Amino acid sequence: MSTTNIINLPSRTTSGRPGKPSQTAFNRQELAQILSIYGRMVSAGHWKDYAMDFLPDRAIFSVYRKASEHALYQIIKTPALRQKQGQFSVVAPGGLILKRGHELKAVLKVFDKKKFELR
């Protein structure tokens, strides 16, 4: 009896086109935009750590003041909401959605405001 290892690659349809992916992730441009904001906040001393989670239905970039605490903010990509209110959102502790939209750059502008840098 032979066994095969399953690798988490996007599934393919019979036409050879990608089907529903086994996990959702940020692309390079999205990740560059997020890391740019993250770097600015780290250099200002507001954020110290981050984590990324890639789930089947969403990708989450969480930022922390300390690694042992709860996430200060989560930047979430949910492709299922692409045609509705937008696939990108910034969520505060407790689940409050600070900003949601179709363009990541516009959603990340929520961190340009001074009140978020003081937390």
PDB file of N, CA and C in Angstrom:
ATOM      1  N   MET A   1       0.843  -1.168   0.000  1.00  0.00           N
ATOM      2  CA  MET A   1       0.000   0.000   0.000  1.00  0.00           C
ATOM      3  C   MET A   1       0.895   1.239   0.000  1.00  0.00           C
ATOM      4  N   SER A   2       0.686   2.100  -0.953  1.00  0.00           N
ATOM      5  CA  SER A   2       1.507   3.305  -1.017  1.00  0.00           C
ATOM      6  C   SER A   2       0.727   4.497  -0.482  1.00  0.00           C
ATOM      7  N   THR A   3       1.449   5.410   0.131  1.00  0.00           N
ATOM      8  CA  THR A   3       0.822   6.632   0.626  1.00  0.00           C
ATOM      9  C   THR A   3       1.457   7.805  -0.091  1.00  0.00           C
ATOM     10  N   THR A   4       0.691   8.849  -0.256  1.00  0.00           N
ATOM     11  CA  THR A   4       1.221  10.057  -0.875  1.00  0.00           C
ATOM     12  C   THR A   4       1.076  11.212   0.096  1.00  0.00           C
ATOM     13  N   ASN A   5       2.014  12.105   0.044  1.00  0.00           N
ATOM     14  CA  ASN A   5       1.945  13.308   0.868  1.00  0.00           C
ATOM     15  C   ASN A   5       1.107  14.347   0.146  1.00  0.00           C
ATOM     16  N   ILE A   6       0.222  14.973   0.874  1.00  0.00           N
ATOM     17  CA  ILE A   6      -0.618  16.018   0.302  1.00  0.00           C
ATOM     18  C   ILE A   6       0.037  17.356   0.561  1.00  0.00           C
ATOM     19  N   ILE A   7       0.227  18.124  -0.489  1.00  0.00           N
ATOM     20  CA  ILE A   7       0.820  19.449  -0.381  1.00  0.00           C
ATOM     21  C   ILE A   7      -0.288  20.461  -0.609  1.00  0.00           C
ATOM     22  N   ASN A   8      -0.313  21.526   0.187  1.00  0.00           N
ATOM     23  CA  ASN A   8      -1.350  22.548   0.068  1.00  0.00           C
ATOM     24  C   ASN A   8      -1.090  23.456  -1.121  1.00  0.00           C
ATOM     25  N   LEU A   9      -1.418  22.983  -2.313  1.00  0.00           N
ATOM     26  CA  LEU A   9      -1.345  23.784  -3.515  1.00  0.00           C
ATOM     27  C   LEU A   9      -2.764  24.075  -3.979  1.00  0.00           C
ATOM     28  N   PRO A  10      -2.945  25.148  -4.767  1.00  0.00           N
ATOM     29  CA  PRO A  10      -4.287  25.404  -5.270  1.00  0.00           C
ATOM     30  C   PRO A  10      -4.787  24.226  -6.086  1.00  0.00           C
ATOM     31  N   SER A  11      -6.043  23.887  -5.900  1.00  0.00           N
ATOM     32  CA  SER A  11      -6.604  22.787  -6.664  1.00  0.00           C
ATOM     33  C   SER A  11      -6.791  23.222  -8.105  1.00  0.00           C
ATOM     34  N   ARG A  12      -6.834  22.283  -9.002  1.00  0.00           N
ATOM     35  CA  ARG A  12      -6.997  22.583 -10.427  1.00  0.00           C
ATOM     36  C   ARG A  12      -8.307  21.980 -10.918  1.00  0.00           C
ATOM     37  N   THR A  13      -8.948  22.691 -11.808  1.00  0.00           N
ATOM     38  CA  THR A  13     -10.152  22.147 -12.425  1.00  0.00           C
ATOM     39  C   THR A  13      -9.726  21.299 -13.602  1.00  0.00           C
ATOM     40  N   THR A  14     -10.664  20.636 -14.231  1.00  0.00           N
ATOM     41  CA  THR A  14     -10.321  19.778 -15.364  1.00  0.00           C
ATOM     42  C   THR A  14      -9.813  20.587 -16.548  1.00  0.00           C
ATOM     43  N   SER A  15     -10.131  21.879 -16.627  1.00  0.00           N
ATOM     44  CA  SER A  15      -9.645  22.716 -17.720  1.00  0.00           C
ATOM     45  C   SER A  15      -8.217  23.203 -17.466  1.00  0.00           C
ATOM     46  N   GLY A  16      -7.649  22.894 -16.298  1.00  0.00           N
ATOM     47  CA  GLY A  16      -6.297  23.317 -15.977  1.00  0.00           C
ATOM     48  C   GLY A  16      -6.234  24.661 -15.275  1.00  0.00           C
ATOM     49  N   ARG A  17      -7.358  25.323 -15.116  1.00  0.00           N
ATOM     50  CA  ARG A  17      -7.397  26.604 -14.412  1.00  0.00           C
ATOM     51  C   ARG A  17      -7.459  26.361 -12.910  1.00  0.00           C
ATOM     52  N   PRO A  18      -6.913  27.282 -12.155  1.00  0.00           N
ATOM     53  CA  PRO A  18      -6.985  27.100 -10.699  1.00  0.00           C
ATOM     54  C   PRO A  18      -8.425  27.088 -10.216  1.00  0.00           C
ATOM     55  N   GLY A  19      -8.714  26.190  -9.299  1.00  0.00           N
ATOM     56  CA  GLY A  19     -10.025  26.125  -8.668  1.00  0.00           C
ATOM     57  C   GLY A  19      -9.987  26.863  -7.358  1.00  0.00           C
ATOM     58  N   LYS A  20     -10.822  26.493  -6.429  1.00  0.00           N
ATOM     59  CA  LYS A  20     -10.840  27.125  -5.114  1.00  0.00           C
ATOM     60  C   LYS A  20      -9.552  26.742  -4.382  1.00  0.00           C
ATOM     61  N   PRO A  21      -8.779  27.737  -3.913  1.00  0.00           N
ATOM     62  CA  PRO A  21      -7.511  27.425  -3.248  1.00  0.00           C
ATOM     63  C   PRO A  21      -7.738  26.768  -1.887  1.00  0.00           C
ATOM     64  N   SER A  22      -6.743  26.000  -1.446  1.00  0.00           N
ATOM     65  CA  SER A  22      -6.834  25.347  -0.147  1.00  0.00           C
ATOM     66  C   SER A  22      -6.546  26.329   0.983  1.00  0.00           C
ATOM     67  N   GLN A  23      -5.957  27.481   0.644  1.00  0.00           N
ATOM     68  CA  GLN A  23      -5.732  28.532   1.629  1.00  0.00           C
ATOM     69  C   GLN A  23      -5.698  29.882   0.915  1.00  0.00           C
ATOM     70  N   THR A  24      -6.047  30.914   1.645  1.00  0.00           N
ATOM     71  CA  THR A  24      -6.031  32.272   1.124  1.00  0.00           C
ATOM     72  C   THR A  24      -4.761  32.949   1.626  1.00  0.00           C
ATOM     73  N   ALA A  25      -4.125  33.737   0.776  1.00  0.00           N
ATOM     74  CA  ALA A  25      -2.882  34.412   1.168  1.00  0.00           C
ATOM     75  C   ALA A  25      -2.861  35.820   0.582  1.00  0.00           C
ATOM     76  N   PHE A  26      -1.983  36.645   1.127  1.00  0.00           N
ATOM     77  CA  PHE A  26      -1.729  37.964   0.578  1.00  0.00           C
ATOM     78  C   PHE A  26      -0.753  37.809  -0.579  1.00  0.00           C
ATOM     79  N   ASN A  27      -0.960  38.565  -1.668  1.00  0.00           N
ATOM     80  CA  ASN A  27       0.026  38.515  -2.745  1.00  0.00           C
ATOM     81  C   ASN A  27       1.196  39.429  -2.386  1.00  0.00           C
ATOM     82  N   ARG A  28       2.214  39.472  -3.214  1.00  0.00           N
ATOM     83  CA  ARG A  28       3.432  40.228  -2.895  1.00  0.00           C
ATOM     84  C   ARG A  28       3.160  41.715  -2.730  1.00  0.00           C
ATOM     85  N   GLN A  29       2.350  42.290  -3.598  1.00  0.00           N
ATOM     86  CA  GLN A  29       2.059  43.723  -3.505  1.00  0.00           C
ATOM     87  C   GLN A  29       1.311  44.045  -2.220  1.00  0.00           C
ATOM     88  N   GLU A  30       0.337  43.221  -1.878  1.00  0.00           N
ATOM     89  CA  GLU A  30      -0.419  43.431  -0.646  1.00  0.00           C
ATOM     90  C   GLU A  30       0.474  43.321   0.573  1.00  0.00           C
ATOM     91  N   LEU A  31       1.323  42.301   0.579  1.00  0.00           N
ATOM     92  CA  LEU A  31       2.227  42.099   1.713  1.00  0.00           C
ATOM     93  C   LEU A  31       3.231  43.246   1.817  1.00  0.00           C
ATOM     94  N   ALA A  32       3.699  43.772   0.700  1.00  0.00           N
ATOM     95  CA  ALA A  32       4.624  44.907   0.719  1.00  0.00           C
ATOM     96  C   ALA A  32       3.947  46.136   1.328  1.00  0.00           C
ATOM     97  N   GLN A  33       2.685  46.370   0.998  1.00  0.00           N
ATOM     98  CA  GLN A  33       1.956  47.508   1.558  1.00  0.00           C
ATOM     99  C   GLN A  33       1.781  47.347   3.069  1.00  0.00           C
ATOM    100  N   ILE A  34       1.431  46.146   3.489  1.00  0.00           N
ATOM    101  CA  ILE A  34       1.235  45.878   4.922  1.00  0.00           C
ATOM    102  C   ILE A  34       2.554  46.030   5.674  1.00  0.00           C
ATOM    103  N   LEU A  35       3.626  45.461   5.139  1.00  0.00           N
ATOM    104  CA  LEU A  35       4.918  45.532   5.824  1.00  0.00           C
ATOM    105  C   LEU A  35       5.479  46.949   5.854  1.00  0.00           C
ATOM    106  N   SER A  36       5.109  47.770   4.895  1.00  0.00           N
ATOM    107  CA  SER A  36       5.517  49.167   4.916  1.00  0.00           C
ATOM    108  C   SER A  36       4.903  49.889   6.124  1.00  0.00           C
ATOM    109  N   ILE A  37       3.610  49.693   6.335  1.00  0.00           N
ATOM    110  CA  ILE A  37       2.928  50.274   7.502  1.00  0.00           C
ATOM    111  C   ILE A  37       3.521  49.684   8.790  1.00  0.00           C
ATOM    112  N   TYR A  38       3.716  48.363   8.798  1.00  0.00           N
ATOM    113  CA  TYR A  38       4.260  47.695   9.973  1.00  0.00           C
ATOM    114  C   TYR A  38       5.637  48.258  10.338  1.00  0.00           C
ATOM    115  N   GLY A  39       6.506  48.418   9.346  1.00  0.00           N
ATOM    116  CA  GLY A  39       7.848  48.955   9.594  1.00  0.00           C
ATOM    117  C   GLY A  39       7.810  50.357  10.159  1.00  0.00           C
ATOM    118  N   ARG A  40       6.898  51.176   9.637  1.00  0.00           N
ATOM    119  CA  ARG A  40       6.776  52.547  10.139  1.00  0.00           C
ATOM    120  C   ARG A  40       6.322  52.557  11.598  1.00  0.00           C
ATOM    121  N   MET A  41       5.386  51.699  11.939  1.00  0.00           N
ATOM    122  CA  MET A  41       4.877  51.650  13.311  1.00  0.00           C
ATOM    123  C   MET A  41       5.896  51.034  14.270  1.00  0.00           C
ATOM    124  N   VAL A  42       6.684  50.083  13.806  1.00  0.00           N
ATOM    125  CA  VAL A  42       7.741  49.505  14.646  1.00  0.00           C
ATOM    126  C   VAL A  42       8.804  50.558  14.929  1.00  0.00           C
ATOM    127  N   SER A  43       9.198  51.302  13.901  1.00  0.00           N
ATOM    128  CA  SER A  43      10.233  52.317  14.105  1.00  0.00           C
ATOM    129  C   SER A  43       9.749  53.437  15.024  1.00  0.00           C
ATOM    130  N   ALA A  44       8.432  53.654  15.067  1.00  0.00           N
ATOM    131  CA  ALA A  44       7.874  54.655  15.983  1.00  0.00           C
ATOM    132  C   ALA A  44       7.697  54.085  17.391  1.00  0.00           C
ATOM    133  N   GLY A  45       7.911  52.781  17.557  1.00  0.00           N
ATOM    134  CA  GLY A  45       7.832  52.156  18.867  1.00  0.00           C
ATOM    135  C   GLY A  45       6.437  51.722  19.288  1.00  0.00           C
ATOM    136  N   HIS A  46       5.477  51.691  18.355  1.00  0.00           N
ATOM    137  CA  HIS A  46       4.106  51.344  18.703  1.00  0.00           C
ATOM    138  C   HIS A  46       3.812  49.850  18.572  1.00  0.00           C
ATOM    139  N   TRP A  47       4.417  49.211  17.616  1.00  0.00           N
ATOM    140  CA  TRP A  47       4.195  47.782  17.389  1.00  0.00           C
ATOM    141  C   TRP A  47       5.516  47.049  17.567  1.00  0.00           C
ATOM    142  N   LYS A  48       5.430  45.800  18.022  1.00  0.00           N
ATOM    143  CA  LYS A  48       6.652  45.029  18.283  1.00  0.00           C
ATOM    144  C   LYS A  48       6.717  43.688  17.550  1.00  0.00           C
ATOM    145  N   ASP A  49       5.563  43.099  17.236  1.00  0.00           N
ATOM    146  CA  ASP A  49       5.550  41.746  16.682  1.00  0.00           C
ATOM    147  C   ASP A  49       4.368  41.588  15.748  1.00  0.00           C
ATOM    148  N   TYR A  50       4.412  40.549  14.922  1.00  0.00           N
ATOM    149  CA  TYR A  50       3.289  40.254  14.038  1.00  0.00           C
ATOM    150  C   TYR A  50       3.153  38.755  13.834  1.00  0.00           C
ATOM    151  N   ALA A  51       2.003  38.356  13.315  1.00  0.00           N
ATOM    152  CA  ALA A  51       1.750  36.957  12.965  1.00  0.00           C
ATOM    153  C   ALA A  51       0.876  36.939  11.721  1.00  0.00           C
ATOM    154  N   MET A  52       1.034  35.898  10.920  1.00  0.00           N
ATOM    155  CA  MET A  52       0.207  35.730   9.723  1.00  0.00           C
ATOM    156  C   MET A  52      -0.486  34.378   9.791  1.00  0.00           C
ATOM    157  N   ASP A  53      -1.765  34.380   9.483  1.00  0.00           N
ATOM    158  CA  ASP A  53      -2.551  33.143   9.421  1.00  0.00           C
ATOM    159  C   ASP A  53      -3.172  33.041   8.039  1.00  0.00           C
ATOM    160  N   PHE A  54      -3.039  31.879   7.413  1.00  0.00           N
ATOM    161  CA  PHE A  54      -3.593  31.650   6.091  1.00  0.00           C
ATOM    162  C   PHE A  54      -4.614  30.521   6.189  1.00  0.00           C
ATOM    163  N   LEU A  55      -5.864  30.895   6.184  1.00  0.00           N
ATOM    164  CA  LEU A  55      -6.977  29.964   6.329  1.00  0.00           C
ATOM    165  C   LEU A  55      -7.642  29.756   4.976  1.00  0.00           C
ATOM    166  N   PRO A  56      -8.496  28.754   4.847  1.00  0.00           N
ATOM    167  CA  PRO A  56      -9.155  28.535   3.551  1.00  0.00           C
ATOM    168  C   PRO A  56     -10.005  29.718   3.080  1.00  0.00           C
ATOM    169  N   ASP A  57     -10.623  30.441   4.000  1.00  0.00           N
ATOM    170  CA  ASP A  57     -11.539  31.515   3.604  1.00  0.00           C
ATOM    171  C   ASP A  57     -10.985  32.922   3.794  1.00  0.00           C
ATOM    172  N   ARG A  58      -9.842  33.069   4.488  1.00  0.00           N
ATOM    173  CA  ARG A  58      -9.287  34.402   4.714  1.00  0.00           C
ATOM    174  C   ARG A  58      -7.810  34.317   5.116  1.00  0.00           C
ATOM    175  N   ALA A  59      -7.120  35.456   4.910  1.00  0.00           N
ATOM    176  CA  ALA A  59      -5.737  35.607   5.351  1.00  0.00           C
ATOM    177  C   ALA A  59      -5.728  36.728   6.385  1.00  0.00           C
ATOM    178  N   ILE A  60      -4.966  36.544   7.464  1.00  0.00           N
ATOM    179  CA  ILE A  60      -4.960  37.498   8.562  1.00  0.00           C
ATOM    180  C   ILE A  60      -3.523  37.887   8.902  1.00  0.00           C
ATOM    181  N   PHE A  61      -3.281  39.202   8.961  1.00  0.00           N
ATOM    182  CA  PHE A  61      -2.005  39.746   9.420  1.00  0.00           C
ATOM    183  C   PHE A  61      -2.310  40.438  10.740  1.00  0.00           C
ATOM    184  N   SER A  62      -1.816  39.883  11.846  1.00  0.00           N
ATOM    185  CA  SER A  62      -2.082  40.428  13.178  1.00  0.00           C
ATOM    186  C   SER A  62      -0.848  41.157  13.692  1.00  0.00           C
ATOM    187  N   VAL A  63      -1.065  42.326  14.309  1.00  0.00           N
ATOM    188  CA  VAL A  63       0.051  43.085  14.883  1.00  0.00           C
ATOM    189  C   VAL A  63      -0.109  43.157  16.398  1.00  0.00           C
ATOM    190  N   TYR A  64       1.029  43.132  17.098  1.00  0.00           N
ATOM    191  CA  TYR A  64       1.058  43.068  18.555  1.00  0.00           C
ATOM    192  C   TYR A  64       1.980  44.133  19.120  1.00  0.00           C
ATOM    193  N   ARG A  65       1.670  44.576  20.315  1.00  0.00           N
ATOM    194  CA  ARG A  65       2.593  45.420  21.063  1.00  0.00           C
ATOM    195  C   ARG A  65       3.640  44.530  21.717  1.00  0.00           C
ATOM    196  N   LYS A  66       3.198  43.401  22.269  1.00  0.00           N
ATOM    197  CA  LYS A  66       4.076  42.364  22.826  1.00  0.00           C
ATOM    198  C   LYS A  66       3.560  41.021  22.330  1.00  0.00           C
ATOM    199  N   ALA A  67       4.462  40.072  22.180  1.00  0.00           N
ATOM    200  CA  ALA A  67       4.067  38.771  21.651  1.00  0.00           C
ATOM    201  C   ALA A  67       3.105  38.037  22.579  1.00  0.00           C
ATOM    202  N   SER A  68       3.134  38.347  23.857  1.00  0.00           N
ATOM    203  CA  SER A  68       2.295  37.633  24.818  1.00  0.00           C
ATOM    204  C   SER A  68       0.892  38.225  24.936  1.00  0.00           C
ATOM    205  N   GLU A  69       0.617  39.332  24.267  1.00  0.00           N
ATOM    206  CA  GLU A  69      -0.681  39.984  24.366  1.00  0.00           C
ATOM    207  C   GLU A  69      -1.600  39.569  23.226  1.00  0.00           C
ATOM    208  N   HIS A  70      -2.837  40.058  23.290  1.00  0.00           N
ATOM    209  CA  HIS A  70      -3.770  39.880  22.184  1.00  0.00           C
ATOM    210  C   HIS A  70      -3.387  40.841  21.063  1.00  0.00           C
ATOM    211  N   ALA A  71      -3.840  40.544  19.868  1.00  0.00           N
ATOM    212  CA  ALA A  71      -3.515  41.394  18.723  1.00  0.00           C
ATOM    213  C   ALA A  71      -4.095  42.797  18.902  1.00  0.00           C
ATOM    214  N   LEU A  72      -3.287  43.803  18.581  1.00  0.00           N
ATOM    215  CA  LEU A  72      -3.773  45.184  18.585  1.00  0.00           C
ATOM    216  C   LEU A  72      -4.724  45.398  17.417  1.00  0.00           C
ATOM    217  N   TYR A  73      -4.296  44.950  16.244  1.00  0.00           N
ATOM    218  CA  TYR A  73      -5.083  45.089  15.027  1.00  0.00           C
ATOM    219  C   TYR A  73      -4.898  43.842  14.181  1.00  0.00           C
ATOM    220  N   GLN A  74      -5.889  43.589  13.339  1.00  0.00           N
ATOM    221  CA  GLN A  74      -5.796  42.515  12.354  1.00  0.00           C
ATOM    222  C   GLN A  74      -6.165  43.096  10.999  1.00  0.00           C
ATOM    223  N   ILE A  75      -5.321  42.819  10.017  1.00  0.00           N
ATOM    224  CA  ILE A  75      -5.606  43.189   8.633  1.00  0.00           C
ATOM    225  C   ILE A  75      -6.055  41.900   7.959  1.00  0.00           C
ATOM    226  N   ILE A  76      -7.287  41.879   7.493  1.00  0.00           N
ATOM    227  CA  ILE A  76      -7.902  40.636   7.021  1.00  0.00           C
ATOM    228  C   ILE A  76      -8.276  40.751   5.552  1.00  0.00           C
ATOM    229  N   LYS A  77      -7.950  39.707   4.803  1.00  0.00           N
ATOM    230  CA  LYS A  77      -8.349  39.587   3.399  1.00  0.00           C
ATOM    231  C   LYS A  77      -9.342  38.437   3.303  1.00  0.00           C
ATOM    232  N   THR A  78     -10.569  38.754   2.881  1.00  0.00           N
ATOM    233  CA  THR A  78     -11.623  37.750   2.730  1.00  0.00           C
ATOM    234  C   THR A  78     -12.139  37.817   1.294  1.00  0.00           C
ATOM    235  N   PRO A  79     -11.608  36.990   0.383  1.00  0.00           N
ATOM    236  CA  PRO A  79     -11.999  37.066  -1.027  1.00  0.00           C
ATOM    237  C   PRO A  79     -13.495  36.878  -1.282  1.00  0.00           C
ATOM    238  N   ALA A  80     -14.206  36.184  -0.417  1.00  0.00           N
ATOM    239  CA  ALA A  80     -15.644  35.975  -0.616  1.00  0.00           C
ATOM    240  C   ALA A  80     -16.410  37.300  -0.560  1.00  0.00           C
ATOM    241  N   LEU A  81     -15.838  38.329   0.064  1.00  0.00           N
ATOM    242  CA  LEU A  81     -16.502  39.632   0.177  1.00  0.00           C
ATOM    243  C   LEU A  81     -16.080  40.602  -0.925  1.00  0.00           C
ATOM    244  N   ARG A  82     -15.322  40.122  -1.903  1.00  0.00           N
ATOM    245  CA  ARG A  82     -14.790  40.972  -2.970  1.00  0.00           C
ATOM    246  C   ARG A  82     -15.893  41.732  -3.707  1.00  0.00           C
ATOM    247  N   GLN A  83     -16.987  41.082  -4.015  1.00  0.00           N
ATOM    248  CA  GLN A  83     -18.072  41.714  -4.768  1.00  0.00           C
ATOM    249  C   GLN A  83     -19.076  42.433  -3.877  1.00  0.00           C
ATOM    250  N   LYS A  84     -18.923  42.317  -2.588  1.00  0.00           N
ATOM    251  CA  LYS A  84     -19.866  42.938  -1.651  1.00  0.00           C
ATOM    252  C   LYS A  84     -19.246  44.192  -1.061  1.00  0.00           C
ATOM    253  N   GLN A  85     -18.895  44.184   0.217  1.00  0.00           N
ATOM    254  CA  GLN A  85     -18.376  45.384   0.869  1.00  0.00           C
ATOM    255  C   GLN A  85     -16.869  45.552   0.746  1.00  0.00           C
ATOM    256  N   GLY A  86     -16.197  44.636   0.121  1.00  0.00           N
ATOM    257  CA  GLY A  86     -14.748  44.723  -0.063  1.00  0.00           C
ATOM    258  C   GLY A  86     -14.034  43.617   0.684  1.00  0.00           C
ATOM    259  N   GLN A  87     -12.966  43.117   0.087  1.00  0.00           N
ATOM    260  CA  GLN A  87     -12.287  41.957   0.666  1.00  0.00           C
ATOM    261  C   GLN A  87     -11.280  42.298   1.756  1.00  0.00           C
ATOM    262  N   PHE A  88     -10.933  43.575   1.917  1.00  0.00           N
ATOM    263  CA  PHE A  88      -9.947  43.956   2.919  1.00  0.00           C
ATOM    264  C   PHE A  88     -10.618  44.669   4.083  1.00  0.00           C
ATOM    265  N   SER A  89     -10.128  44.399   5.306  1.00  0.00           N
ATOM    266  CA  SER A  89     -10.647  45.098   6.480  1.00  0.00           C
ATOM    267  C   SER A  89      -9.555  45.188   7.542  1.00  0.00           C
ATOM    268  N   VAL A  90      -9.680  46.218   8.382  1.00  0.00           N
ATOM    269  CA  VAL A  90      -8.821  46.384   9.549  1.00  0.00           C
ATOM    270  C   VAL A  90      -9.729  46.255  10.756  1.00  0.00           C
ATOM    271  N   VAL A  91      -9.372  45.337  11.648  1.00  0.00           N
ATOM    272  CA  VAL A  91     -10.209  45.025  12.803  1.00  0.00           C
ATOM    273  C   VAL A  91      -9.439  45.328  14.084  1.00  0.00           C
ATOM    274  N   ALA A  92     -10.111  46.033  15.000  1.00  0.00           N
ATOM    275  CA  ALA A  92      -9.536  46.369  16.309  1.00  0.00           C
ATOM    276  C   ALA A  92      -9.852  45.251  17.302  1.00  0.00           C
ATOM    277  N   PRO A  93      -9.226  45.276  18.482  1.00  0.00           N
ATOM    278  CA  PRO A  93      -9.568  44.283  19.498  1.00  0.00           C
ATOM    279  C   PRO A  93     -11.058  44.325  19.806  1.00  0.00           C
ATOM    280  N   GLY A  94     -11.631  43.186  20.040  1.00  0.00           N
ATOM    281  CA  GLY A  94     -13.066  43.107  20.310  1.00  0.00           C
ATOM    282  C   GLY A  94     -13.895  42.934  19.054  1.00  0.00           C
ATOM    283  N   GLY A  95     -13.266  42.960  17.883  1.00  0.00           N
ATOM    284  CA  GLY A  95     -13.986  42.716  16.644  1.00  0.00           C
ATOM    285  C   GLY A  95     -14.531  43.947  15.943  1.00  0.00           C
ATOM    286  N   LEU A  96     -14.238  45.143  16.429  1.00  0.00           N
ATOM    287  CA  LEU A  96     -14.708  46.364  15.796  1.00  0.00           C
ATOM    288  C   LEU A  96     -13.992  46.553  14.460  1.00  0.00           C
ATOM    289  N   ILE A  97     -14.762  46.648  13.377  1.00  0.00           N
ATOM    290  CA  ILE A  97     -14.179  46.862  12.055  1.00  0.00           C
ATOM    291  C   ILE A  97     -13.950  48.356  11.885  1.00  0.00           C
ATOM    292  N   LEU A  98     -12.672  48.748  11.807  1.00  0.00           N
ATOM    293  CA  LEU A  98     -12.310  50.161  11.691  1.00  0.00           C
ATOM    294  C   LEU A  98     -12.487  50.674  10.276  1.00  0.00           C
ATOM    295  N   LYS A  99     -12.159  49.837   9.289  1.00  0.00           N
ATOM    296  CA  LYS A  99     -12.273  50.244   7.895  1.00  0.00           C
ATOM    297  C   LYS A  99     -12.378  48.997   7.047  1.00  0.00           C
ATOM    298  N   ARG A 100     -13.175  49.082   6.001  1.00  0.00           N
ATOM    299  CA  ARG A 100     -13.357  47.971   5.074  1.00  0.00           C
ATOM    300  C   ARG A 100     -13.418  48.543   3.672  1.00  0.00           C
ATOM    301  N   GLY A 101     -12.873  47.811   2.705  1.00  0.00           N
ATOM    302  CA  GLY A 101     -12.931  48.308   1.340  1.00  0.00           C
ATOM    303  C   GLY A 101     -12.384  47.332   0.325  1.00  0.00           C
ATOM    304  N   HIS A 102     -12.431  47.785  -0.927  1.00  0.00           N
ATOM    305  CA  HIS A 102     -11.979  46.961  -2.049  1.00  0.00           C
ATOM    306  C   HIS A 102     -10.484  47.090  -2.302  1.00  0.00           C
ATOM    307  N   GLU A 103      -9.904  48.237  -1.935  1.00  0.00           N
ATOM    308  CA  GLU A 103      -8.478  48.499  -2.165  1.00  0.00           C
ATOM    309  C   GLU A 103      -7.728  48.495  -0.836  1.00  0.00           C
ATOM    310  N   LEU A 104      -6.673  47.694  -0.757  1.00  0.00           N
ATOM    311  CA  LEU A 104      -5.898  47.588   0.483  1.00  0.00           C
ATOM    312  C   LEU A 104      -5.259  48.921   0.860  1.00  0.00           C
ATOM    313  N   LYS A 105      -4.753  49.643  -0.124  1.00  0.00           N
ATOM    314  CA  LYS A 105      -4.091  50.919   0.154  1.00  0.00           C
ATOM    315  C   LYS A 105      -5.043  51.891   0.861  1.00  0.00           C
ATOM    316  N   ALA A 106      -6.277  51.936   0.417  1.00  0.00           N
ATOM    317  CA  ALA A 106      -7.265  52.824   1.041  1.00  0.00           C
ATOM    318  C   ALA A 106      -7.619  52.367   2.444  1.00  0.00           C
ATOM    319  N   VAL A 107      -7.703  51.068   2.650  1.00  0.00           N
ATOM    320  CA  VAL A 107      -8.044  50.517   3.970  1.00  0.00           C
ATOM    321  C   VAL A 107      -6.916  50.784   4.966  1.00  0.00           C
ATOM    322  N   LEU A 108      -5.673  50.693   4.507  1.00  0.00           N
ATOM    323  CA  LEU A 108      -4.524  50.899   5.399  1.00  0.00           C
ATOM    324  C   LEU A 108      -4.344  52.360   5.799  1.00  0.00           C
ATOM    325  N   LYS A 109      -5.035  53.264   5.142  1.00  0.00           N
ATOM    326  CA  LYS A 109      -4.942  54.686   5.515  1.00  0.00           C
ATOM    327  C   LYS A 109      -5.500  54.937   6.904  1.00  0.00           C
ATOM    328  N   VAL A 110      -6.222  53.987   7.454  1.00  0.00           N
ATOM    329  CA  VAL A 110      -6.726  54.129   8.817  1.00  0.00           C
ATOM    330  C   VAL A 110      -5.570  54.300   9.805  1.00  0.00           C
ATOM    331  N   PHE A 111      -4.393  53.786   9.463  1.00  0.00           N
ATOM    332  CA  PHE A 111      -3.224  53.895  10.341  1.00  0.00           C
ATOM    333  C   PHE A 111      -2.478  55.215  10.161  1.00  0.00           C
ATOM    334  N   ASP A 112      -2.854  56.041   9.198  1.00  0.00           N
ATOM    335  CA  ASP A 112      -2.222  57.338   9.003  1.00  0.00           C
ATOM    336  C   ASP A 112      -2.684  58.353  10.034  1.00  0.00           C
ATOM    337  N   LYS A 113      -3.793  58.090  10.669  1.00  0.00           N
ATOM    338  CA  LYS A 113      -4.339  59.016  11.647  1.00  0.00           C
ATOM    339  C   LYS A 113      -3.545  58.935  12.946  1.00  0.00           C
ATOM    340  N   LYS A 114      -3.310  60.075  13.575  1.00  0.00           N
ATOM    341  CA  LYS A 114      -2.505  60.139  14.794  1.00  0.00           C
ATOM    342  C   LYS A 114      -3.106  59.352  15.950  1.00  0.00           C
ATOM    343  N   LYS A 115      -4.425  59.278  16.035  1.00  0.00           N
ATOM    344  CA  LYS A 115      -5.036  58.614  17.190  1.00  0.00           C
ATOM    345  C   LYS A 115      -4.668  57.129  17.271  1.00  0.00           C
ATOM    346  N   PHE A 116      -4.372  56.490  16.133  1.00  0.00           N
ATOM    347  CA  PHE A 116      -4.002  55.081  16.155  1.00  0.00           C
ATOM    348  C   PHE A 116      -2.542  54.888  16.542  1.00  0.00           C
ATOM    349  N   GLU A 117      -1.722  55.876  16.333  1.00  0.00           N
ATOM    350  CA  GLU A 117      -0.313  55.769  16.690  1.00  0.00           C
ATOM    351  C   GLU A 117      -0.100  55.904  18.192  1.00  0.00           C
ATOM    352  N   LEU A 118      -1.068  56.451  18.911  1.00  0.00           N
ATOM    353  CA  LEU A 118      -0.918  56.678  20.346  1.00  0.00           C
ATOM    354  C   LEU A 118      -1.287  55.467  21.180  1.00  0.00           C
ATOM    355  N   ARG A 119      -1.854  54.448  20.598  1.00  0.00           N
ATOM    356  CA  ARG A 119      -2.276  53.262  21.354  1.00  0.00           C
ATOM    357  C   ARG A 119      -1.122  52.398  21.730  1.00  0.00           C
TER     358      ARG A 119
END
